[in-house]
Amino acid sequence: MSNVLVQIRVDEDLKNEASDIFERLGLDLPTAFRIFLKKSVEERGIPFSMKLSEKTSLQEGKAAFLQLRKEAQENGIQDISLDEINAEISAYRNTL
């Protein structure tokens, strides 16, 4: 199998940042690209998810906020502090 030269142009800052990350992983840039290409062939596609996130309109976001506020008032928790919210989250995570 013969080798071929592949050249690409990228922003210098992007190249430097990526090279730094790969170096910390013990890889050089060409090896990281070869890994990407091999994994793409193995997966028969891009080896990571490429999805557009759903955009929430300002109106939908405001409606969700108002619904949460209404539920908080109905449950008597509209005045809960951030520390209390974080404590609730921690307690929930400890049950998992």
PDB file of N, CA and C in Angstrom:
ATOM      1  N   MET A   1       0.852  -1.174   0.000  1.00  0.00           N
ATOM      2  CA  MET A   1       0.000   0.000   0.000  1.00  0.00           C
ATOM      3  C   MET A   1       0.896   1.235   0.000  1.00  0.00           C
ATOM      4  N   SER A   2       0.726   2.099  -0.955  1.00  0.00           N
ATOM      5  CA  SER A   2       1.557   3.295  -1.035  1.00  0.00           C
ATOM      6  C   SER A   2       0.946   4.437  -0.237  1.00  0.00           C
ATOM      7  N   ASN A   3       1.787   5.297   0.237  1.00  0.00           N
ATOM      8  CA  ASN A   3       1.345   6.480   0.977  1.00  0.00           C
ATOM      9  C   ASN A   3       1.137   7.634   0.027  1.00  0.00           C
ATOM     10  N   VAL A   4       0.176   8.487   0.338  1.00  0.00           N
ATOM     11  CA  VAL A   4      -0.060   9.696  -0.439  1.00  0.00           C
ATOM     12  C   VAL A   4      -0.020  10.891   0.503  1.00  0.00           C
ATOM     13  N   LEU A   5       0.308  12.020  -0.043  1.00  0.00           N
ATOM     14  CA  LEU A   5       0.349  13.255   0.727  1.00  0.00           C
ATOM     15  C   LEU A   5      -1.045  13.885   0.732  1.00  0.00           C
ATOM     16  N   VAL A   6      -1.523  14.230   1.914  1.00  0.00           N
ATOM     17  CA  VAL A   6      -2.803  14.933   2.050  1.00  0.00           C
ATOM     18  C   VAL A   6      -2.494  16.271   2.715  1.00  0.00           C
ATOM     19  N   GLN A   7      -2.908  17.342   2.080  1.00  0.00           N
ATOM     20  CA  GLN A   7      -2.686  18.664   2.645  1.00  0.00           C
ATOM     21  C   GLN A   7      -4.027  19.336   2.906  1.00  0.00           C
ATOM     22  N   ILE A   8      -4.111  20.026   4.032  1.00  0.00           N
ATOM     23  CA  ILE A   8      -5.313  20.804   4.340  1.00  0.00           C
ATOM     24  C   ILE A   8      -4.880  22.163   4.885  1.00  0.00           C
ATOM     25  N   ARG A   9      -5.751  23.110   4.756  1.00  0.00           N
ATOM     26  CA  ARG A   9      -5.502  24.435   5.319  1.00  0.00           C
ATOM     27  C   ARG A   9      -6.464  24.645   6.481  1.00  0.00           C
ATOM     28  N   VAL A  10      -5.905  25.071   7.615  1.00  0.00           N
ATOM     29  CA  VAL A  10      -6.715  25.375   8.797  1.00  0.00           C
ATOM     30  C   VAL A  10      -6.171  26.644   9.434  1.00  0.00           C
ATOM     31  N   ASP A  11      -6.984  27.245  10.249  1.00  0.00           N
ATOM     32  CA  ASP A  11      -6.580  28.420  11.008  1.00  0.00           C
ATOM     33  C   ASP A  11      -5.384  28.055  11.894  1.00  0.00           C
ATOM     34  N   GLU A  12      -4.392  28.913  11.952  1.00  0.00           N
ATOM     35  CA  GLU A  12      -3.174  28.632  12.714  1.00  0.00           C
ATOM     36  C   GLU A  12      -3.458  28.383  14.194  1.00  0.00           C
ATOM     37  N   ASP A  13      -4.348  29.192  14.783  1.00  0.00           N
ATOM     38  CA  ASP A  13      -4.678  28.998  16.197  1.00  0.00           C
ATOM     39  C   ASP A  13      -5.330  27.637  16.436  1.00  0.00           C
ATOM     40  N   LEU A  14      -6.222  27.236  15.533  1.00  0.00           N
ATOM     41  CA  LEU A  14      -6.870  25.929  15.647  1.00  0.00           C
ATOM     42  C   LEU A  14      -5.828  24.815  15.583  1.00  0.00           C
ATOM     43  N   LYS A  15      -4.920  24.912  14.623  1.00  0.00           N
ATOM     44  CA  LYS A  15      -3.863  23.909  14.477  1.00  0.00           C
ATOM     45  C   LYS A  15      -3.021  23.827  15.740  1.00  0.00           C
ATOM     46  N   ASN A  16      -2.638  24.987  16.291  1.00  0.00           N
ATOM     47  CA  ASN A  16      -1.797  25.013  17.487  1.00  0.00           C
ATOM     48  C   ASN A  16      -2.518  24.439  18.700  1.00  0.00           C
ATOM     49  N   GLU A  17      -3.785  24.799  18.867  1.00  0.00           N
ATOM     50  CA  GLU A  17      -4.553  24.277  19.998  1.00  0.00           C
ATOM     51  C   GLU A  17      -4.742  22.767  19.886  1.00  0.00           C
ATOM     52  N   ALA A  18      -5.073  22.299  18.696  1.00  0.00           N
ATOM     53  CA  ALA A  18      -5.253  20.857  18.485  1.00  0.00           C
ATOM     54  C   ALA A  18      -3.940  20.122  18.682  1.00  0.00           C
ATOM     55  N   SER A  19      -2.848  20.667  18.154  1.00  0.00           N
ATOM     56  CA  SER A  19      -1.537  20.040  18.311  1.00  0.00           C
ATOM     57  C   SER A  19      -1.165  19.916  19.781  1.00  0.00           C
ATOM     58  N   ASP A  20      -1.477  20.945  20.558  1.00  0.00           N
ATOM     59  CA  ASP A  20      -1.185  20.924  21.995  1.00  0.00           C
ATOM     60  C   ASP A  20      -1.961  19.803  22.691  1.00  0.00           C
ATOM     61  N   ILE A  21      -3.230  19.678  22.347  1.00  0.00           N
ATOM     62  CA  ILE A  21      -4.058  18.613  22.937  1.00  0.00           C
ATOM     63  C   ILE A  21      -3.506  17.242  22.554  1.00  0.00           C
ATOM     64  N   PHE A  22      -3.214  17.057  21.267  1.00  0.00           N
ATOM     65  CA  PHE A  22      -2.708  15.763  20.808  1.00  0.00           C
ATOM     66  C   PHE A  22      -1.364  15.441  21.457  1.00  0.00           C
ATOM     67  N   GLU A  23      -0.521  16.465  21.606  1.00  0.00           N
ATOM     68  CA  GLU A  23       0.787  16.253  22.228  1.00  0.00           C
ATOM     69  C   GLU A  23       0.626  15.751  23.660  1.00  0.00           C
ATOM     70  N   ARG A  24      -0.331  16.326  24.383  1.00  0.00           N
ATOM     71  CA  ARG A  24      -0.593  15.875  25.757  1.00  0.00           C
ATOM     72  C   ARG A  24      -1.107  14.439  25.789  1.00  0.00           C
ATOM     73  N   LEU A  25      -1.691  13.997  24.677  1.00  0.00           N
ATOM     74  CA  LEU A  25      -2.163  12.616  24.564  1.00  0.00           C
ATOM     75  C   LEU A  25      -1.075  11.692  24.009  1.00  0.00           C
ATOM     76  N   GLY A  26       0.110  12.254  23.744  1.00  0.00           N
ATOM     77  CA  GLY A  26       1.209  11.461  23.224  1.00  0.00           C
ATOM     78  C   GLY A  26       1.145  11.247  21.721  1.00  0.00           C
ATOM     79  N   LEU A  27       0.424  12.114  21.021  1.00  0.00           N
ATOM     80  CA  LEU A  27       0.262  11.990  19.569  1.00  0.00           C
ATOM     81  C   LEU A  27       0.787  13.233  18.878  1.00  0.00           C
ATOM     82  N   ASP A  28       1.242  13.040  17.647  1.00  0.00           N
ATOM     83  CA  ASP A  28       1.519  14.212  16.824  1.00  0.00           C
ATOM     84  C   ASP A  28       0.302  14.432  15.920  1.00  0.00           C
ATOM     85  N   LEU A  29       0.281  15.560  15.249  1.00  0.00           N
ATOM     86  CA  LEU A  29      -0.878  15.928  14.424  1.00  0.00           C
ATOM     87  C   LEU A  29      -1.148  14.919  13.301  1.00  0.00           C
ATOM     88  N   PRO A  30      -0.133  14.485  12.550  1.00  0.00           N
ATOM     89  CA  PRO A  30      -0.411  13.503  11.494  1.00  0.00           C
ATOM     90  C   PRO A  30      -0.988  12.190  12.030  1.00  0.00           C
ATOM     91  N   THR A  31      -0.498  11.732  13.178  1.00  0.00           N
ATOM     92  CA  THR A  31      -1.029  10.493  13.761  1.00  0.00           C
ATOM     93  C   THR A  31      -2.487  10.671  14.165  1.00  0.00           C
ATOM     94  N   ALA A  32      -2.816  11.843  14.742  1.00  0.00           N
ATOM     95  CA  ALA A  32      -4.200  12.108  15.135  1.00  0.00           C
ATOM     96  C   ALA A  32      -5.118  12.102  13.912  1.00  0.00           C
ATOM     97  N   PHE A  33      -4.654  12.682  12.804  1.00  0.00           N
ATOM     98  CA  PHE A  33      -5.457  12.667  11.574  1.00  0.00           C
ATOM     99  C   PHE A  33      -5.634  11.250  11.045  1.00  0.00           C
ATOM    100  N   ARG A  34      -4.560  10.445  11.092  1.00  0.00           N
ATOM    101  CA  ARG A  34      -4.682   9.059  10.636  1.00  0.00           C
ATOM    102  C   ARG A  34      -5.686   8.296  11.491  1.00  0.00           C
ATOM    103  N   ILE A  35      -5.666   8.536  12.805  1.00  0.00           N
ATOM    104  CA  ILE A  35      -6.635   7.886  13.696  1.00  0.00           C
ATOM    105  C   ILE A  35      -8.048   8.287  13.295  1.00  0.00           C
ATOM    106  N   PHE A  36      -8.255   9.589  13.043  1.00  0.00           N
ATOM    107  CA  PHE A  36      -9.568  10.063  12.622  1.00  0.00           C
ATOM    108  C   PHE A  36     -10.010   9.375  11.331  1.00  0.00           C
ATOM    109  N   LEU A  37      -9.111   9.298  10.353  1.00  0.00           N
ATOM    110  CA  LEU A  37      -9.460   8.674   9.081  1.00  0.00           C
ATOM    111  C   LEU A  37      -9.766   7.182   9.246  1.00  0.00           C
ATOM    112  N   LYS A  38      -8.942   6.480  10.012  1.00  0.00           N
ATOM    113  CA  LYS A  38      -9.174   5.041  10.219  1.00  0.00           C
ATOM    114  C   LYS A  38     -10.498   4.801  10.930  1.00  0.00           C
ATOM    115  N   LYS A  39     -10.784   5.615  11.943  1.00  0.00           N
ATOM    116  CA  LYS A  39     -12.044   5.464  12.678  1.00  0.00           C
ATOM    117  C   LYS A  39     -13.233   5.799  11.776  1.00  0.00           C
ATOM    118  N   SER A  40     -13.080   6.783  10.900  1.00  0.00           N
ATOM    119  CA  SER A  40     -14.150   7.129   9.951  1.00  0.00           C
ATOM    120  C   SER A  40     -14.452   5.963   9.028  1.00  0.00           C
ATOM    121  N   VAL A  41     -13.393   5.289   8.553  1.00  0.00           N
ATOM    122  CA  VAL A  41     -13.585   4.125   7.689  1.00  0.00           C
ATOM    123  C   VAL A  41     -14.254   2.999   8.473  1.00  0.00           C
ATOM    124  N   GLU A  42     -13.780   2.759   9.691  1.00  0.00           N
ATOM    125  CA  GLU A  42     -14.362   1.711  10.539  1.00  0.00           C
ATOM    126  C   GLU A  42     -15.841   1.955  10.810  1.00  0.00           C
ATOM    127  N   GLU A  43     -16.183   3.201  11.111  1.00  0.00           N
ATOM    128  CA  GLU A  43     -17.571   3.568  11.441  1.00  0.00           C
ATOM    129  C   GLU A  43     -18.424   3.766  10.185  1.00  0.00           C
ATOM    130  N   ARG A  44     -17.749   3.879   9.043  1.00  0.00           N
ATOM    131  CA  ARG A  44     -18.411   4.181   7.774  1.00  0.00           C
ATOM    132  C   ARG A  44     -19.152   5.522   7.868  1.00  0.00           C
ATOM    133  N   GLY A  45     -18.504   6.471   8.498  1.00  0.00           N
ATOM    134  CA  GLY A  45     -19.054   7.812   8.672  1.00  0.00           C
ATOM    135  C   GLY A  45     -18.191   8.605   9.632  1.00  0.00           C
ATOM    136  N   ILE A  46     -18.657   9.772   9.986  1.00  0.00           N
ATOM    137  CA  ILE A  46     -17.952  10.609  10.958  1.00  0.00           C
ATOM    138  C   ILE A  46     -18.013   9.888  12.309  1.00  0.00           C
ATOM    139  N   PRO A  47     -16.884   9.723  13.002  1.00  0.00           N
ATOM    140  CA  PRO A  47     -16.873   8.925  14.231  1.00  0.00           C
ATOM    141  C   PRO A  47     -17.356   9.652  15.491  1.00  0.00           C
ATOM    142  N   PHE A  48     -18.188  10.639  15.315  1.00  0.00           N
ATOM    143  CA  PHE A  48     -18.817  11.305  16.449  1.00  0.00           C
ATOM    144  C   PHE A  48     -20.120  11.906  15.955  1.00  0.00           C
ATOM    145  N   SER A  49     -20.999  12.219  16.889  1.00  0.00           N
ATOM    146  CA  SER A  49     -22.310  12.736  16.536  1.00  0.00           C
ATOM    147  C   SER A  49     -22.200  14.123  15.913  1.00  0.00           C
ATOM    148  N   MET A  50     -22.940  14.333  14.852  1.00  0.00           N
ATOM    149  CA  MET A  50     -22.992  15.644  14.206  1.00  0.00           C
ATOM    150  C   MET A  50     -24.458  16.027  14.060  1.00  0.00           C
ATOM    151  N   LYS A  51     -25.013  16.565  15.133  1.00  0.00           N
ATOM    152  CA  LYS A  51     -26.417  16.937  15.128  1.00  0.00           C
ATOM    153  C   LYS A  51     -26.555  18.419  15.414  1.00  0.00           C
ATOM    154  N   LEU A  52     -27.507  19.008  14.768  1.00  0.00           N
ATOM    155  CA  LEU A  52     -27.840  20.390  15.087  1.00  0.00           C
ATOM    156  C   LEU A  52     -28.718  20.381  16.322  1.00  0.00           C
ATOM    157  N   SER A  53     -28.399  21.235  17.265  1.00  0.00           N
ATOM    158  CA  SER A  53     -29.239  21.302  18.454  1.00  0.00           C
ATOM    159  C   SER A  53     -30.552  21.985  18.095  1.00  0.00           C
ATOM    160  N   GLU A  54     -31.583  21.582  18.795  1.00  0.00           N
ATOM    161  CA  GLU A  54     -32.876  22.223  18.558  1.00  0.00           C
ATOM    162  C   GLU A  54     -32.830  23.628  19.124  1.00  0.00           C
ATOM    163  N   LYS A  55     -33.273  24.553  18.354  1.00  0.00           N
ATOM    164  CA  LYS A  55     -33.313  25.931  18.820  1.00  0.00           C
ATOM    165  C   LYS A  55     -34.648  26.182  19.509  1.00  0.00           C
ATOM    166  N   THR A  56     -34.558  26.802  20.635  1.00  0.00           N
ATOM    167  CA  THR A  56     -35.757  27.184  21.359  1.00  0.00           C
ATOM    168  C   THR A  56     -35.975  28.671  21.132  1.00  0.00           C
ATOM    169  N   SER A  57     -37.173  29.007  20.724  1.00  0.00           N
ATOM    170  CA  SER A  57     -37.454  30.416  20.477  1.00  0.00           C
ATOM    171  C   SER A  57     -37.558  31.157  21.806  1.00  0.00           C
ATOM    172  N   LEU A  58     -37.391  32.445  21.743  1.00  0.00           N
ATOM    173  CA  LEU A  58     -37.522  33.275  22.929  1.00  0.00           C
ATOM    174  C   LEU A  58     -38.905  33.091  23.542  1.00  0.00           C
ATOM    175  N   GLN A  59     -39.919  33.004  22.704  1.00  0.00           N
ATOM    176  CA  GLN A  59     -41.294  32.825  23.180  1.00  0.00           C
ATOM    177  C   GLN A  59     -41.442  31.486  23.905  1.00  0.00           C
ATOM    178  N   GLU A  60     -40.857  30.408  23.351  1.00  0.00           N
ATOM    179  CA  GLU A  60     -40.937  29.100  24.002  1.00  0.00           C
ATOM    180  C   GLU A  60     -40.179  29.099  25.329  1.00  0.00           C
ATOM    181  N   GLY A  61     -39.015  29.757  25.351  1.00  0.00           N
ATOM    182  CA  GLY A  61     -38.234  29.842  26.578  1.00  0.00           C
ATOM    183  C   GLY A  61     -38.977  30.608  27.665  1.00  0.00           C
ATOM    184  N   LYS A  62     -39.615  31.703  27.279  1.00  0.00           N
ATOM    185  CA  LYS A  62     -40.376  32.503  28.246  1.00  0.00           C
ATOM    186  C   LYS A  62     -41.566  31.717  28.771  1.00  0.00           C
ATOM    187  N   ALA A  63     -42.237  30.970  27.892  1.00  0.00           N
ATOM    188  CA  ALA A  63     -43.386  30.163  28.317  1.00  0.00           C
ATOM    189  C   ALA A  63     -42.943  29.091  29.308  1.00  0.00           C
ATOM    190  N   ALA A  64     -41.791  28.461  29.057  1.00  0.00           N
ATOM    191  CA  ALA A  64     -41.279  27.435  29.964  1.00  0.00           C
ATOM    192  C   ALA A  64     -40.926  28.053  31.310  1.00  0.00           C
ATOM    193  N   PHE A  65     -40.292  29.227  31.294  1.00  0.00           N
ATOM    194  CA  PHE A  65     -39.951  29.913  32.529  1.00  0.00           C
ATOM    195  C   PHE A  65     -41.200  30.254  33.344  1.00  0.00           C
ATOM    196  N   LEU A  66     -42.217  30.782  32.684  1.00  0.00           N
ATOM    197  CA  LEU A  66     -43.454  31.142  33.383  1.00  0.00           C
ATOM    198  C   LEU A  66     -44.148  29.906  33.957  1.00  0.00           C
ATOM    199  N   GLN A  67     -44.093  28.785  33.233  1.00  0.00           N
ATOM    200  CA  GLN A  67     -44.680  27.542  33.731  1.00  0.00           C
ATOM    201  C   GLN A  67     -43.941  27.068  34.984  1.00  0.00           C
ATOM    202  N   LEU A  68     -42.609  27.145  34.961  1.00  0.00           N
ATOM    203  CA  LEU A  68     -41.822  26.753  36.135  1.00  0.00           C
ATOM    204  C   LEU A  68     -42.112  27.661  37.321  1.00  0.00           C
ATOM    205  N   ARG A  69     -42.244  28.972  37.054  1.00  0.00           N
ATOM    206  CA  ARG A  69     -42.561  29.912  38.127  1.00  0.00           C
ATOM    207  C   ARG A  69     -43.916  29.576  38.743  1.00  0.00           C
ATOM    208  N   LYS A  70     -44.905  29.268  37.895  1.00  0.00           N
ATOM    209  CA  LYS A  70     -46.247  28.912  38.364  1.00  0.00           C
ATOM    210  C   LYS A  70     -46.192  27.647  39.234  1.00  0.00           C
ATOM    211  N   GLU A  71     -45.446  26.642  38.779  1.00  0.00           N
ATOM    212  CA  GLU A  71     -45.335  25.401  39.540  1.00  0.00           C
ATOM    213  C   GLU A  71     -44.630  25.632  40.871  1.00  0.00           C
ATOM    214  N   ALA A  72     -43.614  26.495  40.877  1.00  0.00           N
ATOM    215  CA  ALA A  72     -42.913  26.809  42.121  1.00  0.00           C
ATOM    216  C   ALA A  72     -43.851  27.480  43.112  1.00  0.00           C
ATOM    217  N   GLN A  73     -44.677  28.399  42.633  1.00  0.00           N
ATOM    218  CA  GLN A  73     -45.640  29.068  43.512  1.00  0.00           C
ATOM    219  C   GLN A  73     -46.677  28.076  44.041  1.00  0.00           C
ATOM    220  N   GLU A  74     -47.154  27.192  43.169  1.00  0.00           N
ATOM    221  CA  GLU A  74     -48.148  26.193  43.585  1.00  0.00           C
ATOM    222  C   GLU A  74     -47.587  25.244  44.629  1.00  0.00           C
ATOM    223  N   ASN A  75     -46.282  24.982  44.579  1.00  0.00           N
ATOM    224  CA  ASN A  75     -45.657  24.058  45.517  1.00  0.00           C
ATOM    225  C   ASN A  75     -44.985  24.756  46.692  1.00  0.00           C
ATOM    226  N   GLY A  76     -45.144  26.065  46.774  1.00  0.00           N
ATOM    227  CA  GLY A  76     -44.610  26.824  47.905  1.00  0.00           C
ATOM    228  C   GLY A  76     -43.095  26.899  47.942  1.00  0.00           C
ATOM    229  N   ILE A  77     -42.464  26.836  46.800  1.00  0.00           N
ATOM    230  CA  ILE A  77     -40.997  26.877  46.775  1.00  0.00           C
ATOM    231  C   ILE A  77     -40.466  28.034  45.934  1.00  0.00           C
ATOM    232  N   GLN A  78     -41.246  29.077  45.754  1.00  0.00           N
ATOM    233  CA  GLN A  78     -40.821  30.186  44.915  1.00  0.00           C
ATOM    234  C   GLN A  78     -39.672  30.982  45.521  1.00  0.00           C
ATOM    235  N   ASP A  79     -39.448  30.862  46.812  1.00  0.00           N
ATOM    236  CA  ASP A  79     -38.393  31.644  47.461  1.00  0.00           C
ATOM    237  C   ASP A  79     -37.169  30.801  47.802  1.00  0.00           C
ATOM    238  N   ILE A  80     -37.007  29.652  47.166  1.00  0.00           N
ATOM    239  CA  ILE A  80     -35.873  28.776  47.458  1.00  0.00           C
ATOM    240  C   ILE A  80     -34.580  29.438  46.987  1.00  0.00           C
ATOM    241  N   SER A  81     -33.523  29.336  47.809  1.00  0.00           N
ATOM    242  CA  SER A  81     -32.246  29.974  47.469  1.00  0.00           C
ATOM    243  C   SER A  81     -31.413  29.058  46.566  1.00  0.00           C
ATOM    244  N   LEU A  82     -30.390  29.635  45.968  1.00  0.00           N
ATOM    245  CA  LEU A  82     -29.496  28.857  45.124  1.00  0.00           C
ATOM    246  C   LEU A  82     -28.804  27.765  45.937  1.00  0.00           C
ATOM    247  N   ASP A  83     -28.416  28.078  47.173  1.00  0.00           N
ATOM    248  CA  ASP A  83     -27.789  27.069  48.034  1.00  0.00           C
ATOM    249  C   ASP A  83     -28.748  25.911  48.297  1.00  0.00           C
ATOM    250  N   GLU A  84     -30.011  26.216  48.502  1.00  0.00           N
ATOM    251  CA  GLU A  84     -31.005  25.162  48.729  1.00  0.00           C
ATOM    252  C   GLU A  84     -31.223  24.330  47.469  1.00  0.00           C
ATOM    253  N   ILE A  85     -31.215  24.986  46.329  1.00  0.00           N
ATOM    254  CA  ILE A  85     -31.352  24.257  45.055  1.00  0.00           C
ATOM    255  C   ILE A  85     -30.169  23.318  44.871  1.00  0.00           C
ATOM    256  N   ASN A  86     -28.948  23.822  45.113  1.00  0.00           N
ATOM    257  CA  ASN A  86     -27.756  22.984  44.974  1.00  0.00           C
ATOM    258  C   ASN A  86     -27.765  21.820  45.964  1.00  0.00           C
ATOM    259  N   ALA A  87     -28.263  22.044  47.161  1.00  0.00           N
ATOM    260  CA  ALA A  87     -28.368  20.963  48.154  1.00  0.00           C
ATOM    261  C   ALA A  87     -29.353  19.903  47.674  1.00  0.00           C
ATOM    262  N   GLU A  88     -30.455  20.325  47.072  1.00  0.00           N
ATOM    263  CA  GLU A  88     -31.432  19.373  46.525  1.00  0.00           C
ATOM    264  C   GLU A  88     -30.807  18.547  45.397  1.00  0.00           C
ATOM    265  N   ILE A  89     -30.058  19.203  44.544  1.00  0.00           N
ATOM    266  CA  ILE A  89     -29.404  18.503  43.441  1.00  0.00           C
ATOM    267  C   ILE A  89     -28.401  17.488  43.979  1.00  0.00           C
ATOM    268  N   SER A  90     -27.610  17.895  44.954  1.00  0.00           N
ATOM    269  CA  SER A  90     -26.613  16.979  45.554  1.00  0.00           C
ATOM    270  C   SER A  90     -27.308  15.790  46.206  1.00  0.00           C
ATOM    271  N   ALA A  91     -28.380  16.040  46.921  1.00  0.00           N
ATOM    272  CA  ALA A  91     -29.104  14.954  47.574  1.00  0.00           C
ATOM    273  C   ALA A  91     -29.667  13.987  46.538  1.00  0.00           C
ATOM    274  N   TYR A  92     -30.171  14.522  45.438  1.00  0.00           N
ATOM    275  CA  TYR A  92     -30.708  13.674  44.383  1.00  0.00           C
ATOM    276  C   TYR A  92     -29.606  12.823  43.760  1.00  0.00           C
ATOM    277  N   ARG A  93     -28.467  13.446  43.483  1.00  0.00           N
ATOM    278  CA  ARG A  93     -27.356  12.704  42.858  1.00  0.00           C
ATOM    279  C   ARG A  93     -26.864  11.591  43.775  1.00  0.00           C
ATOM    280  N   ASN A  94     -26.907  11.804  45.072  1.00  0.00           N
ATOM    281  CA  ASN A  94     -26.463  10.771  46.020  1.00  0.00           C
ATOM    282  C   ASN A  94     -27.387   9.579  46.062  1.00  0.00           C
ATOM    283  N   THR A  95     -28.612   9.744  45.559  1.00  0.00           N
ATOM    284  CA  THR A  95     -29.545   8.612  45.531  1.00  0.00           C
ATOM    285  C   THR A  95     -29.369   7.749  44.289  1.00  0.00           C
ATOM    286  N   LEU A  96     -28.597   8.237  43.312  1.00  0.00           N
ATOM    287  CA  LEU A  96     -28.398   7.487  42.061  1.00  0.00           C
ATOM    288  C   LEU A  96     -27.368   6.403  42.212  1.00  0.00           C
TER     289      LEU A  96
END
